[in-house]
Amino acid sequence: MNEQKIRTMEEFAAATGLSRPTVSKYFDNPDNVKPSTRARIEKALKDYDYRPNIFAVSLNRKQPKNIGVIVPHISDPFYAEVVRQIEMRCLAEGYWAIVLSSHGERKLEARAMRTLMSLNIAGVLMAPLGFETDATLLASLVSTMPIIFLDNRVNTDQSFVGTDNRQSIGMITEYLCRTGEHPCFLEMPAVNQNALERRAAYIATMERLGFEPIVLPTSAKGWEFEELGYREAGRILDGGSFPTRTVLCANDRLAFGVIAAAFERKLPVGRDDGCELRVAGHDDHPLSRFTCPPLTTVAQDYQGIAATGVDMLFTRIAGGPETQAAKPEIKRLEAKLIMRGSA
C-alpha cells in the first residue's frame, strides 16, 4: 500500500495522472470510461486506500443522485416503514435518501425544507405536518425541485399518494355495524387533512347505513396519540361509558390508549362473549397485532405508498421541467380490513 494519504478527489486524480473530469466520470459510472482507464483507477484506489465521499460526489453532479425525504416523526412506525421502503428502493436505483424528521414541530420542518433547498438534490418525497406546515416556504420548495407528497398534503394542487380514507374508514365502519353495536368515532387531533377526511368518511358511512354519527371530538393538539387516546378514554369511562359499546379510533395509536384505559378499569375489550367494549383502529400499525387483545383495524399499503411515490418522483425527475410542471397526479390506495380480537 502506498503511504501517501489521499484526501480529496483532486489529490487522487493527480496521483493517478488522470484529469479530474475523467476520475469524476468513473465515479458517476465506471462504464463511462475506457476499460484501461477503469483498471488504472481501480488499481489506484487499492494502492492509495482511497475512499471517495460518494455523498459529496453526488451533490456535485449535474444530475444528482440524492433524494430528500421529510416525515413528521421518524419514530412513528408508519413513517419508519415508509422510509425504509424508500431507502431500499433508492439504493437499488443508485440513489441516496437524505432523511429528515420534523419531530412534529413547525420550526424543525421549516429547517428541513431549507436544508434540502440548500443542497443539490434530484427531488423530494415529503409527508408534511399538515396545517402547521409553513405554506410560503413549502411553495418555495415546490418551485425549486420535483416533489411528491406522501400520506398527507397541504394543497389540492400537489402531486400526492396516500390512503383512500373514504374507502378505508367506510369499510371498517360497515364491518363494525354489521357485526355488533354501531360505533362511535374517537377523532384524532386536526393536525392534517387525514384527520378531516377520516371524520367525514365516518359520518358519511353512518348516515348511508341509517345510523346517527357519534363523533367524540378532541380539542387537543400534537402527535402524542397514545396519550390522547388513554386520557380521553379514561375521562369518558370515569364519567359513565362510551355512547355505544363500539369505539372506532381515527388511528391505531389512539386505540392503543383506549385499550390501556379500559384495561386499567378492568373493562374487558373484544368481540367474545362477556366483553363490554369493542375497539377498532386505522393504519395496521406494526404493533397492532401485539395489543391485548390484538387490534382490529384497516391496513394501509405501506409498500405501495412508498413504491408509488418513488415511481412518481423518478418519472418527474426523468421528464425534466416539462414533466415537473405537468398537472398534479393524485393516487389514493385502498386499505384492507384486518379482523382481530378487539372487535
C-alpha atoms as a PDB file:
ATOM      1  CA  MET A   1       0.000   0.000   0.000  1.00  0.00           C
ATOM      2  CA  ASN A   2       1.269   3.464  -0.884  1.00  0.00           C
ATOM      3  CA  GLU A   3       1.939   5.531   2.255  1.00  0.00           C
ATOM      4  CA  GLN A   4       0.806   8.775   0.604  1.00  0.00           C
ATOM      5  CA  LYS A   5      -2.518   9.785   2.142  1.00  0.00           C
ATOM      6  CA  ILE A   6      -5.079  10.903  -0.437  1.00  0.00           C
ATOM      7  CA  ARG A   7      -7.780  13.145   0.989  1.00  0.00           C
ATOM      8  CA  THR A   8      -9.552  14.738  -1.966  1.00  0.00           C
ATOM      9  CA  MET A   9     -10.660  13.856  -5.472  1.00  0.00           C
ATOM     10  CA  GLU A  10      -8.152  16.382  -6.852  1.00  0.00           C
ATOM     11  CA  GLU A  11      -5.281  14.695  -4.998  1.00  0.00           C
ATOM     12  CA  PHE A  12      -6.423  11.284  -6.211  1.00  0.00           C
ATOM     13  CA  ALA A  13      -6.627  12.480  -9.825  1.00  0.00           C
ATOM     14  CA  ALA A  14      -3.127  13.954  -9.578  1.00  0.00           C
ATOM     15  CA  ALA A  15      -1.776  10.717  -8.081  1.00  0.00           C
ATOM     16  CA  THR A  16      -3.227   8.642 -10.916  1.00  0.00           C
ATOM     17  CA  GLY A  17      -2.042  11.038 -13.606  1.00  0.00           C
ATOM     18  CA  LEU A  18      -5.607  11.412 -14.867  1.00  0.00           C
ATOM     19  CA  SER A  19      -7.757  14.509 -15.162  1.00  0.00           C
ATOM     20  CA  ARG A  20     -10.295  15.386 -12.501  1.00  0.00           C
ATOM     21  CA  PRO A  21     -13.189  15.139 -15.032  1.00  0.00           C
ATOM     22  CA  THR A  22     -12.077  11.627 -16.040  1.00  0.00           C
ATOM     23  CA  VAL A  23     -11.981  10.484 -12.447  1.00  0.00           C
ATOM     24  CA  SER A  24     -15.398  12.073 -11.862  1.00  0.00           C
ATOM     25  CA  LYS A  25     -16.805  10.217 -14.875  1.00  0.00           C
ATOM     26  CA  TYR A  26     -15.622   6.966 -13.327  1.00  0.00           C
ATOM     27  CA  PHE A  27     -17.329   7.669 -10.010  1.00  0.00           C
ATOM     28  CA  ASP A  28     -20.507   8.714 -11.811  1.00  0.00           C
ATOM     29  CA  ASN A  29     -20.477   5.388 -13.644  1.00  0.00           C
ATOM     30  CA  PRO A  30     -17.417   3.139 -14.154  1.00  0.00           C
ATOM     31  CA  ASP A  31     -18.717   2.219 -17.617  1.00  0.00           C
ATOM     32  CA  ASN A  32     -18.303   5.862 -18.678  1.00  0.00           C
ATOM     33  CA  VAL A  33     -14.523   5.408 -19.043  1.00  0.00           C
ATOM     34  CA  LYS A  34     -12.390   3.070 -21.147  1.00  0.00           C
ATOM     35  CA  PRO A  35     -11.602  -0.346 -19.661  1.00  0.00           C
ATOM     36  CA  SER A  36      -7.923   0.525 -19.430  1.00  0.00           C
ATOM     37  CA  THR A  37      -8.722   3.760 -17.585  1.00  0.00           C
ATOM     38  CA  ARG A  38     -11.110   1.948 -15.281  1.00  0.00           C
ATOM     39  CA  ALA A  39      -8.449  -0.627 -14.424  1.00  0.00           C
ATOM     40  CA  ARG A  40      -5.948   2.174 -13.758  1.00  0.00           C
ATOM     41  CA  ILE A  41      -8.341   3.970 -11.390  1.00  0.00           C
ATOM     42  CA  GLU A  42      -9.320   0.799  -9.542  1.00  0.00           C
ATOM     43  CA  LYS A  43      -5.657  -0.115  -9.032  1.00  0.00           C
ATOM     44  CA  ALA A  44      -5.005   3.367  -7.651  1.00  0.00           C
ATOM     45  CA  LEU A  45      -7.973   3.065  -5.309  1.00  0.00           C
ATOM     46  CA  LYS A  46      -6.398  -0.067  -3.871  1.00  0.00           C
ATOM     47  CA  ASP A  47      -2.846   1.286  -3.829  1.00  0.00           C
ATOM     48  CA  TYR A  48      -3.762   4.504  -2.057  1.00  0.00           C
ATOM     49  CA  ASP A  49      -6.594   3.047   0.024  1.00  0.00           C
ATOM     50  CA  TYR A  50      -8.720   5.951  -1.155  1.00  0.00           C
ATOM     51  CA  ARG A  51     -12.422   6.055  -0.339  1.00  0.00           C
ATOM     52  CA  PRO A  52     -14.148   8.987  -2.010  1.00  0.00           C
ATOM     53  CA  ASN A  53     -17.000  10.828  -0.337  1.00  0.00           C
ATOM     54  CA  ILE A  54     -19.729   9.456  -2.572  1.00  0.00           C
ATOM     55  CA  PHE A  55     -22.305  11.668  -0.891  1.00  0.00           C
ATOM     56  CA  ALA A  56     -20.322  14.780  -1.801  1.00  0.00           C
ATOM     57  CA  VAL A  57     -19.721  13.428  -5.303  1.00  0.00           C
ATOM     58  CA  SER A  58     -23.450  13.026  -5.804  1.00  0.00           C
ATOM     59  CA  LEU A  59     -24.188  16.527  -4.538  1.00  0.00           C
ATOM     60  CA  ASN A  60     -21.759  17.956  -7.089  1.00  0.00           C
ATOM     61  CA  ARG A  61     -23.276  16.161 -10.060  1.00  0.00           C
ATOM     62  CA  LYS A  62     -25.203  17.989 -12.740  1.00  0.00           C
ATOM     63  CA  GLN A  63     -27.762  15.229 -12.327  1.00  0.00           C
ATOM     64  CA  PRO A  64     -27.568  14.452  -8.590  1.00  0.00           C
ATOM     65  CA  LYS A  65     -28.401  11.036  -7.213  1.00  0.00           C
ATOM     66  CA  ASN A  66     -29.789  12.208  -3.878  1.00  0.00           C
ATOM     67  CA  ILE A  67     -33.441  12.212  -2.827  1.00  0.00           C
ATOM     68  CA  GLY A  68     -34.678  14.284   0.102  1.00  0.00           C
ATOM     69  CA  VAL A  69     -37.259  12.727   2.441  1.00  0.00           C
ATOM     70  CA  ILE A  70     -39.154  14.674   5.129  1.00  0.00           C
ATOM     71  CA  VAL A  71     -41.529  12.988   7.589  1.00  0.00           C
ATOM     72  CA  PRO A  72     -43.263  14.256  10.757  1.00  0.00           C
ATOM     73  CA  HIS A  73     -41.849  11.563  13.055  1.00  0.00           C
ATOM     74  CA  ILE A  74     -39.186   9.020  12.106  1.00  0.00           C
ATOM     75  CA  SER A  75     -40.017   7.214  15.377  1.00  0.00           C
ATOM     76  CA  ASP A  76     -43.605   6.591  14.243  1.00  0.00           C
ATOM     77  CA  PRO A  77     -43.551   3.029  12.853  1.00  0.00           C
ATOM     78  CA  PHE A  78     -45.804   4.031   9.948  1.00  0.00           C
ATOM     79  CA  TYR A  79     -43.325   6.620   8.710  1.00  0.00           C
ATOM     80  CA  ALA A  80     -40.354   4.453   9.692  1.00  0.00           C
ATOM     81  CA  GLU A  81     -41.608   1.653   7.443  1.00  0.00           C
ATOM     82  CA  VAL A  82     -42.379   4.024   4.560  1.00  0.00           C
ATOM     83  CA  VAL A  83     -38.866   5.490   4.879  1.00  0.00           C
ATOM     84  CA  ARG A  84     -37.349   2.001   4.957  1.00  0.00           C
ATOM     85  CA  GLN A  85     -39.149   1.105   1.737  1.00  0.00           C
ATOM     86  CA  ILE A  86     -37.980   4.361   0.113  1.00  0.00           C
ATOM     87  CA  GLU A  87     -34.359   3.832   1.175  1.00  0.00           C
ATOM     88  CA  MET A  88     -34.258   0.274  -0.164  1.00  0.00           C
ATOM     89  CA  ARG A  89     -35.737   1.347  -3.486  1.00  0.00           C
ATOM     90  CA  CYS A  90     -33.365   4.307  -3.794  1.00  0.00           C
ATOM     91  CA  LEU A  91     -30.353   2.094  -3.102  1.00  0.00           C
ATOM     92  CA  ALA A  92     -31.490  -0.319  -5.803  1.00  0.00           C
ATOM     93  CA  GLU A  93     -31.752   2.599  -8.261  1.00  0.00           C
ATOM     94  CA  GLY A  94     -28.370   4.091  -7.315  1.00  0.00           C
ATOM     95  CA  TYR A  95     -29.802   6.979  -5.273  1.00  0.00           C
ATOM     96  CA  TRP A  96     -29.119   8.127  -1.721  1.00  0.00           C
ATOM     97  CA  ALA A  97     -32.014   9.095   0.536  1.00  0.00           C
ATOM     98  CA  ILE A  98     -31.416  12.071   2.838  1.00  0.00           C
ATOM     99  CA  VAL A  99     -33.999  11.571   5.593  1.00  0.00           C
ATOM    100  CA  LEU A 100     -35.054  14.449   7.855  1.00  0.00           C
ATOM    101  CA  SER A 101     -37.712  14.431  10.587  1.00  0.00           C
ATOM    102  CA  SER A 102     -39.672  17.479  11.700  1.00  0.00           C
ATOM    103  CA  HIS A 103     -40.467  15.804  15.065  1.00  0.00           C
ATOM    104  CA  GLY A 104     -43.944  17.267  14.900  1.00  0.00           C
ATOM    105  CA  GLU A 105     -42.645  20.848  15.060  1.00  0.00           C
ATOM    106  CA  ARG A 106     -43.262  23.609  12.525  1.00  0.00           C
ATOM    107  CA  LYS A 107     -39.823  25.188  13.031  1.00  0.00           C
ATOM    108  CA  LEU A 108     -37.988  21.898  12.522  1.00  0.00           C
ATOM    109  CA  GLU A 109     -39.988  21.119   9.395  1.00  0.00           C
ATOM    110  CA  ALA A 110     -39.111  24.570   8.042  1.00  0.00           C
ATOM    111  CA  ARG A 111     -35.440  23.921   8.812  1.00  0.00           C
ATOM    112  CA  ALA A 112     -35.643  20.575   6.996  1.00  0.00           C
ATOM    113  CA  MET A 113     -37.116  22.278   3.904  1.00  0.00           C
ATOM    114  CA  ARG A 114     -34.412  24.964   3.947  1.00  0.00           C
ATOM    115  CA  THR A 115     -31.740  22.291   4.290  1.00  0.00           C
ATOM    116  CA  LEU A 116     -32.961  20.443   1.198  1.00  0.00           C
ATOM    117  CA  MET A 117     -33.186  23.680  -0.796  1.00  0.00           C
ATOM    118  CA  SER A 118     -29.556  24.384   0.078  1.00  0.00           C
ATOM    119  CA  LEU A 119     -28.428  21.057  -1.384  1.00  0.00           C
ATOM    120  CA  ASN A 120     -28.129  19.868  -4.960  1.00  0.00           C
ATOM    121  CA  ILE A 121     -30.691  17.062  -4.902  1.00  0.00           C
ATOM    122  CA  ALA A 122     -32.853  15.428  -7.548  1.00  0.00           C
ATOM    123  CA  GLY A 123     -36.207  15.693  -5.801  1.00  0.00           C
ATOM    124  CA  VAL A 124     -38.176  15.327  -2.576  1.00  0.00           C
ATOM    125  CA  LEU A 125     -40.660  12.909  -1.045  1.00  0.00           C
ATOM    126  CA  MET A 126     -42.472  14.654   1.782  1.00  0.00           C
ATOM    127  CA  ALA A 127     -45.088  13.760   4.371  1.00  0.00           C
ATOM    128  CA  PRO A 128     -45.867  17.270   5.642  1.00  0.00           C
ATOM    129  CA  LEU A 129     -47.088  18.099   9.128  1.00  0.00           C
ATOM    130  CA  GLY A 130     -50.231  19.471   7.534  1.00  0.00           C
ATOM    131  CA  PHE A 131     -51.955  22.542   8.877  1.00  0.00           C
ATOM    132  CA  GLU A 132     -48.818  23.591  10.790  1.00  0.00           C
ATOM    133  CA  THR A 133     -46.621  23.488   7.679  1.00  0.00           C
ATOM    134  CA  ASP A 134     -45.143  26.820   6.563  1.00  0.00           C
ATOM    135  CA  ALA A 135     -47.091  27.254   3.318  1.00  0.00           C
ATOM    136  CA  THR A 136     -44.863  30.026   1.957  1.00  0.00           C
ATOM    137  CA  LEU A 137     -41.682  28.028   2.480  1.00  0.00           C
ATOM    138  CA  LEU A 138     -43.343  24.927   1.059  1.00  0.00           C
ATOM    139  CA  ALA A 139     -44.260  26.848  -2.104  1.00  0.00           C
ATOM    140  CA  SER A 140     -40.576  27.797  -2.483  1.00  0.00           C
ATOM    141  CA  LEU A 141     -39.560  24.155  -2.152  1.00  0.00           C
ATOM    142  CA  VAL A 142     -42.154  23.060  -4.714  1.00  0.00           C
ATOM    143  CA  SER A 143     -40.896  25.682  -7.181  1.00  0.00           C
ATOM    144  CA  THR A 144     -37.282  24.601  -6.682  1.00  0.00           C
ATOM    145  CA  MET A 145     -37.398  20.872  -7.425  1.00  0.00           C
ATOM    146  CA  PRO A 146     -39.731  17.930  -8.156  1.00  0.00           C
ATOM    147  CA  ILE A 147     -41.716  16.905  -5.085  1.00  0.00           C
ATOM    148  CA  ILE A 148     -44.263  14.199  -4.323  1.00  0.00           C
ATOM    149  CA  PHE A 149     -46.344  14.290  -1.149  1.00  0.00           C
ATOM    150  CA  LEU A 150     -46.923  11.102   0.824  1.00  0.00           C
ATOM    151  CA  ASP A 151     -49.778  10.234   3.210  1.00  0.00           C
ATOM    152  CA  ASN A 152     -50.881  13.858   3.502  1.00  0.00           C
ATOM    153  CA  ARG A 153     -50.780  17.075   1.503  1.00  0.00           C
ATOM    154  CA  VAL A 154     -51.268  20.742   2.212  1.00  0.00           C
ATOM    155  CA  ASN A 155     -52.959  21.836  -1.036  1.00  0.00           C
ATOM    156  CA  THR A 156     -55.123  20.001  -3.551  1.00  0.00           C
ATOM    157  CA  ASP A 157     -52.886  21.085  -6.451  1.00  0.00           C
ATOM    158  CA  GLN A 158     -49.977  18.916  -5.301  1.00  0.00           C
ATOM    159  CA  SER A 159     -48.914  15.503  -6.606  1.00  0.00           C
ATOM    160  CA  PHE A 160     -49.783  13.024  -3.910  1.00  0.00           C
ATOM    161  CA  VAL A 161     -50.018   9.345  -2.996  1.00  0.00           C
ATOM    162  CA  GLY A 162     -51.762   8.107   0.130  1.00  0.00           C
ATOM    163  CA  THR A 163     -54.583   6.001   1.516  1.00  0.00           C
ATOM    164  CA  ASP A 164     -58.151   6.418   0.305  1.00  0.00           C
ATOM    165  CA  ASN A 165     -59.640   7.394   3.671  1.00  0.00           C
ATOM    166  CA  ARG A 166     -63.177   7.283   2.337  1.00  0.00           C
ATOM    167  CA  GLN A 167     -62.733   3.649   1.333  1.00  0.00           C
ATOM    168  CA  SER A 168     -60.786   2.568   4.427  1.00  0.00           C
ATOM    169  CA  ILE A 169     -62.987   4.238   7.055  1.00  0.00           C
ATOM    170  CA  GLY A 170     -66.115   3.281   5.129  1.00  0.00           C
ATOM    171  CA  MET A 171     -65.063  -0.362   5.083  1.00  0.00           C
ATOM    172  CA  ILE A 172     -64.320  -0.680   8.802  1.00  0.00           C
ATOM    173  CA  THR A 173     -67.410   1.321   9.788  1.00  0.00           C
ATOM    174  CA  GLU A 174     -69.576  -1.047   7.735  1.00  0.00           C
ATOM    175  CA  TYR A 175     -67.871  -4.054   9.320  1.00  0.00           C
ATOM    176  CA  LEU A 176     -68.471  -2.769  12.853  1.00  0.00           C
ATOM    177  CA  CYS A 177     -72.125  -2.011  12.140  1.00  0.00           C
ATOM    178  CA  ARG A 178     -72.579  -5.430  10.584  1.00  0.00           C
ATOM    179  CA  THR A 179     -71.022  -7.402  13.440  1.00  0.00           C
ATOM    180  CA  GLY A 180     -72.258  -5.613  16.552  1.00  0.00           C
ATOM    181  CA  GLU A 181     -73.373  -2.332  18.043  1.00  0.00           C
ATOM    182  CA  HIS A 182     -72.687   0.602  15.718  1.00  0.00           C
ATOM    183  CA  PRO A 183     -69.506   2.573  16.510  1.00  0.00           C
ATOM    184  CA  CYS A 184     -68.887   5.995  17.943  1.00  0.00           C
ATOM    185  CA  PHE A 185     -65.824   7.726  16.498  1.00  0.00           C
ATOM    186  CA  LEU A 186     -62.854   8.949  18.555  1.00  0.00           C
ATOM    187  CA  GLU A 187     -61.246  11.506  16.295  1.00  0.00           C
ATOM    188  CA  MET A 188     -57.587  12.444  16.139  1.00  0.00           C
ATOM    189  CA  PRO A 189     -56.310  15.990  16.612  1.00  0.00           C
ATOM    190  CA  ALA A 190     -56.800  18.025  13.449  1.00  0.00           C
ATOM    191  CA  VAL A 191     -53.100  18.024  12.611  1.00  0.00           C
ATOM    192  CA  ASN A 192     -53.602  17.322   8.914  1.00  0.00           C
ATOM    193  CA  GLN A 193     -56.045  16.543   6.126  1.00  0.00           C
ATOM    194  CA  ASN A 194     -56.258  12.866   7.116  1.00  0.00           C
ATOM    195  CA  ALA A 195     -57.998  13.828  10.362  1.00  0.00           C
ATOM    196  CA  LEU A 196     -60.710  15.713   8.481  1.00  0.00           C
ATOM    197  CA  GLU A 197     -61.113  13.062   5.776  1.00  0.00           C
ATOM    198  CA  ARG A 198     -61.494  10.205   8.254  1.00  0.00           C
ATOM    199  CA  ARG A 199     -64.051  12.093  10.322  1.00  0.00           C
ATOM    200  CA  ALA A 200     -66.057  12.954   7.187  1.00  0.00           C
ATOM    201  CA  ALA A 201     -65.868   9.363   5.915  1.00  0.00           C
ATOM    202  CA  TYR A 202     -67.201   8.010   9.211  1.00  0.00           C
ATOM    203  CA  ILE A 203     -70.123  10.466   9.215  1.00  0.00           C
ATOM    204  CA  ALA A 204     -70.993   9.753   5.576  1.00  0.00           C
ATOM    205  CA  THR A 205     -70.907   5.984   6.086  1.00  0.00           C
ATOM    206  CA  MET A 206     -73.027   6.056   9.228  1.00  0.00           C
ATOM    207  CA  GLU A 207     -75.650   8.239   7.536  1.00  0.00           C
ATOM    208  CA  ARG A 208     -75.701   5.962   4.499  1.00  0.00           C
ATOM    209  CA  LEU A 209     -76.283   2.959   6.772  1.00  0.00           C
ATOM    210  CA  GLY A 210     -79.066   4.736   8.608  1.00  0.00           C
ATOM    211  CA  PHE A 211     -77.269   5.348  11.920  1.00  0.00           C
ATOM    212  CA  GLU A 212     -76.706   8.622  13.708  1.00  0.00           C
ATOM    213  CA  PRO A 213     -72.999   9.518  13.679  1.00  0.00           C
ATOM    214  CA  ILE A 214     -71.482   9.987  17.130  1.00  0.00           C
ATOM    215  CA  VAL A 215     -68.192  11.886  16.954  1.00  0.00           C
ATOM    216  CA  LEU A 216     -66.151  12.220  20.126  1.00  0.00           C
ATOM    217  CA  PRO A 217     -64.298  15.460  19.463  1.00  0.00           C
ATOM    218  CA  THR A 218     -60.942  16.497  20.823  1.00  0.00           C
ATOM    219  CA  SER A 219     -59.503  19.946  21.377  1.00  0.00           C
ATOM    220  CA  ALA A 220     -56.014  18.523  21.920  1.00  0.00           C
ATOM    221  CA  LYS A 221     -53.155  19.255  19.553  1.00  0.00           C
ATOM    222  CA  GLY A 222     -49.964  17.428  18.767  1.00  0.00           C
ATOM    223  CA  TRP A 223     -48.885  13.935  17.790  1.00  0.00           C
ATOM    224  CA  GLU A 224     -48.931  12.106  21.146  1.00  0.00           C
ATOM    225  CA  PHE A 225     -51.858   9.978  20.039  1.00  0.00           C
ATOM    226  CA  GLU A 226     -51.421   7.133  22.542  1.00  0.00           C
ATOM    227  CA  GLU A 227     -51.516   9.578  25.453  1.00  0.00           C
ATOM    228  CA  LEU A 228     -54.533  11.351  23.990  1.00  0.00           C
ATOM    229  CA  GLY A 229     -56.461   8.086  23.500  1.00  0.00           C
ATOM    230  CA  TYR A 230     -55.618   6.959  27.010  1.00  0.00           C
ATOM    231  CA  ARG A 231     -56.609  10.275  28.569  1.00  0.00           C
ATOM    232  CA  GLU A 232     -59.844  10.717  26.607  1.00  0.00           C
ATOM    233  CA  ALA A 233     -60.973   7.133  27.154  1.00  0.00           C
ATOM    234  CA  GLY A 234     -60.228   7.397  30.863  1.00  0.00           C
ATOM    235  CA  ARG A 235     -62.247  10.594  31.132  1.00  0.00           C
ATOM    236  CA  ILE A 236     -65.200   9.073  29.251  1.00  0.00           C
ATOM    237  CA  LEU A 237     -65.160   5.800  31.175  1.00  0.00           C
ATOM    238  CA  ASP A 238     -64.890   7.538  34.536  1.00  0.00           C
ATOM    239  CA  GLY A 239     -67.880   9.665  33.558  1.00  0.00           C
ATOM    240  CA  GLY A 240     -70.022   6.642  32.750  1.00  0.00           C
ATOM    241  CA  SER A 241     -69.211   4.942  29.452  1.00  0.00           C
ATOM    242  CA  PHE A 242     -68.846   5.467  25.739  1.00  0.00           C
ATOM    243  CA  PRO A 243     -72.077   6.347  23.872  1.00  0.00           C
ATOM    244  CA  THR A 244     -72.051   2.874  22.315  1.00  0.00           C
ATOM    245  CA  ARG A 245     -70.131  -0.283  23.148  1.00  0.00           C
ATOM    246  CA  THR A 246     -68.046   0.027  19.981  1.00  0.00           C
ATOM    247  CA  VAL A 247     -65.305   2.631  19.535  1.00  0.00           C
ATOM    248  CA  LEU A 248     -63.723   3.317  16.161  1.00  0.00           C
ATOM    249  CA  CYS A 249     -60.495   5.288  16.591  1.00  0.00           C
ATOM    250  CA  ALA A 250     -59.151   7.532  13.839  1.00  0.00           C
ATOM    251  CA  ASN A 251     -55.792   5.745  14.073  1.00  0.00           C
ATOM    252  CA  ASP A 252     -54.286   2.732  15.821  1.00  0.00           C
ATOM    253  CA  ARG A 253     -52.200   4.781  18.223  1.00  0.00           C
ATOM    254  CA  LEU A 254     -55.376   6.293  19.686  1.00  0.00           C
ATOM    255  CA  ALA A 255     -56.761   2.773  20.006  1.00  0.00           C
ATOM    256  CA  PHE A 256     -53.693   1.678  21.998  1.00  0.00           C
ATOM    257  CA  GLY A 257     -54.535   4.334  24.576  1.00  0.00           C
ATOM    258  CA  VAL A 258     -58.217   3.359  24.692  1.00  0.00           C
ATOM    259  CA  ILE A 259     -57.373  -0.306  25.284  1.00  0.00           C
ATOM    260  CA  ALA A 260     -54.916   0.646  28.051  1.00  0.00           C
ATOM    261  CA  ALA A 261     -57.518   2.832  29.770  1.00  0.00           C
ATOM    262  CA  ALA A 262     -60.109   0.041  29.576  1.00  0.00           C
ATOM    263  CA  PHE A 263     -57.641  -2.497  30.983  1.00  0.00           C
ATOM    264  CA  GLU A 264     -56.878  -0.224  33.935  1.00  0.00           C
ATOM    265  CA  ARG A 265     -60.588  -0.165  34.750  1.00  0.00           C
ATOM    266  CA  LYS A 266     -60.920  -3.946  34.344  1.00  0.00           C
ATOM    267  CA  LEU A 267     -63.225  -3.463  31.365  1.00  0.00           C
ATOM    268  CA  PRO A 268     -62.975  -6.477  29.005  1.00  0.00           C
ATOM    269  CA  VAL A 269     -62.272  -5.476  25.386  1.00  0.00           C
ATOM    270  CA  GLY A 270     -63.053  -7.767  22.470  1.00  0.00           C
ATOM    271  CA  ARG A 271     -65.760  -9.437  20.437  1.00  0.00           C
ATOM    272  CA  ASP A 272     -66.096 -12.558  22.588  1.00  0.00           C
ATOM    273  CA  ASP A 273     -68.996 -13.192  24.963  1.00  0.00           C
ATOM    274  CA  GLY A 274     -68.553 -11.268  28.185  1.00  0.00           C
ATOM    275  CA  CYS A 275     -66.617  -8.406  26.607  1.00  0.00           C
ATOM    276  CA  GLU A 276     -68.047  -4.965  27.319  1.00  0.00           C
ATOM    277  CA  LEU A 277     -66.285  -2.870  24.681  1.00  0.00           C
ATOM    278  CA  ARG A 278     -65.148  -3.313  21.101  1.00  0.00           C
ATOM    279  CA  VAL A 279     -62.239  -1.150  19.895  1.00  0.00           C
ATOM    280  CA  ALA A 280     -61.008  -0.732  16.313  1.00  0.00           C
ATOM    281  CA  GLY A 281     -58.436   1.495  14.653  1.00  0.00           C
ATOM    282  CA  HIS A 282     -56.944   2.552  11.343  1.00  0.00           C
ATOM    283  CA  ASP A 283     -53.446   2.028   9.843  1.00  0.00           C
ATOM    284  CA  ASP A 284     -52.389  -1.504  10.886  1.00  0.00           C
ATOM    285  CA  HIS A 285     -49.549  -0.058  12.924  1.00  0.00           C
ATOM    286  CA  PRO A 286     -46.749  -2.666  13.252  1.00  0.00           C
ATOM    287  CA  LEU A 287     -47.604  -3.104  16.941  1.00  0.00           C
ATOM    288  CA  SER A 288     -51.350  -3.549  16.373  1.00  0.00           C
ATOM    289  CA  ARG A 289     -51.210  -7.327  16.373  1.00  0.00           C
ATOM    290  CA  PHE A 290     -49.415  -7.311  19.735  1.00  0.00           C
ATOM    291  CA  THR A 291     -52.002  -5.380  21.752  1.00  0.00           C
ATOM    292  CA  CYS A 292     -54.172  -7.349  24.141  1.00  0.00           C
ATOM    293  CA  PRO A 293     -56.454  -8.227  22.530  1.00  0.00           C
ATOM    294  CA  PRO A 294     -54.930  -7.798  19.055  1.00  0.00           C
ATOM    295  CA  LEU A 295     -56.390  -4.764  17.328  1.00  0.00           C
ATOM    296  CA  THR A 296     -58.961  -4.931  14.553  1.00  0.00           C
ATOM    297  CA  THR A 297     -58.022  -2.269  12.019  1.00  0.00           C
ATOM    298  CA  VAL A 298     -57.548  -1.446   8.344  1.00  0.00           C
ATOM    299  CA  ALA A 299     -54.116  -1.862   6.810  1.00  0.00           C
ATOM    300  CA  GLN A 300     -52.591   0.953   4.821  1.00  0.00           C
ATOM    301  CA  ASP A 301     -50.426  -0.177   1.930  1.00  0.00           C
ATOM    302  CA  TYR A 302     -47.034   0.908   3.296  1.00  0.00           C
ATOM    303  CA  GLN A 303     -45.073  -0.634   0.442  1.00  0.00           C
ATOM    304  CA  GLY A 304     -47.469   0.673  -2.180  1.00  0.00           C
ATOM    305  CA  ILE A 305     -47.339   4.236  -0.850  1.00  0.00           C
ATOM    306  CA  ALA A 306     -43.538   4.225  -0.848  1.00  0.00           C
ATOM    307  CA  ALA A 307     -43.134   2.496  -4.225  1.00  0.00           C
ATOM    308  CA  THR A 308     -45.767   4.619  -5.966  1.00  0.00           C
ATOM    309  CA  GLY A 309     -44.291   7.800  -4.528  1.00  0.00           C
ATOM    310  CA  VAL A 310     -40.790   6.900  -5.691  1.00  0.00           C
ATOM    311  CA  ASP A 311     -42.084   5.949  -9.156  1.00  0.00           C
ATOM    312  CA  MET A 312     -43.933   9.243  -9.481  1.00  0.00           C
ATOM    313  CA  LEU A 313     -40.866  11.211  -8.364  1.00  0.00           C
ATOM    314  CA  PHE A 314     -38.468   9.396 -10.696  1.00  0.00           C
ATOM    315  CA  THR A 315     -40.855  10.000 -13.595  1.00  0.00           C
ATOM    316  CA  ARG A 316     -40.834  13.729 -12.886  1.00  0.00           C
ATOM    317  CA  ILE A 317     -37.055  13.789 -12.490  1.00  0.00           C
ATOM    318  CA  ALA A 318     -36.530  11.958 -15.789  1.00  0.00           C
ATOM    319  CA  GLY A 319     -39.054  14.115 -17.617  1.00  0.00           C
ATOM    320  CA  GLY A 320     -37.334  17.386 -16.806  1.00  0.00           C
ATOM    321  CA  PRO A 321     -39.028  20.775 -16.382  1.00  0.00           C
ATOM    322  CA  GLU A 322     -41.979  19.932 -18.664  1.00  0.00           C
ATOM    323  CA  THR A 323     -42.950  16.914 -16.576  1.00  0.00           C
ATOM    324  CA  GLN A 324     -42.371  18.802 -13.340  1.00  0.00           C
ATOM    325  CA  ALA A 325     -44.804  21.488 -14.478  1.00  0.00           C
ATOM    326  CA  ALA A 326     -47.436  18.956 -15.541  1.00  0.00           C
ATOM    327  CA  LYS A 327     -50.843  18.589 -13.916  1.00  0.00           C
ATOM    328  CA  PRO A 328     -50.627  17.181 -10.374  1.00  0.00           C
ATOM    329  CA  GLU A 329     -51.011  13.421 -10.149  1.00  0.00           C
ATOM    330  CA  ILE A 330     -53.198  12.059  -7.343  1.00  0.00           C
ATOM    331  CA  LYS A 331     -53.151   8.392  -6.336  1.00  0.00           C
ATOM    332  CA  ARG A 332     -55.210   7.001  -3.471  1.00  0.00           C
ATOM    333  CA  LEU A 333     -54.550   3.402  -2.499  1.00  0.00           C
ATOM    334  CA  GLU A 334     -57.139   1.103  -0.957  1.00  0.00           C
ATOM    335  CA  ALA A 335     -56.726  -0.369   2.517  1.00  0.00           C
ATOM    336  CA  LYS A 336     -57.525  -3.911   3.670  1.00  0.00           C
ATOM    337  CA  LEU A 337     -59.707  -4.947   6.598  1.00  0.00           C
ATOM    338  CA  ILE A 338     -57.736  -6.757   9.321  1.00  0.00           C
ATOM    339  CA  MET A 339     -60.032  -8.617  11.710  1.00  0.00           C
ATOM    340  CA  ARG A 340     -58.515  -9.440  15.076  1.00  0.00           C
ATOM    341  CA  GLY A 341     -59.769  -9.969  18.615  1.00  0.00           C
ATOM    342  CA  SER A 342     -60.554  -6.403  19.695  1.00  0.00           C
ATOM    343  CA  ALA A 343     -63.646  -6.013  17.530  1.00  0.00           C
END
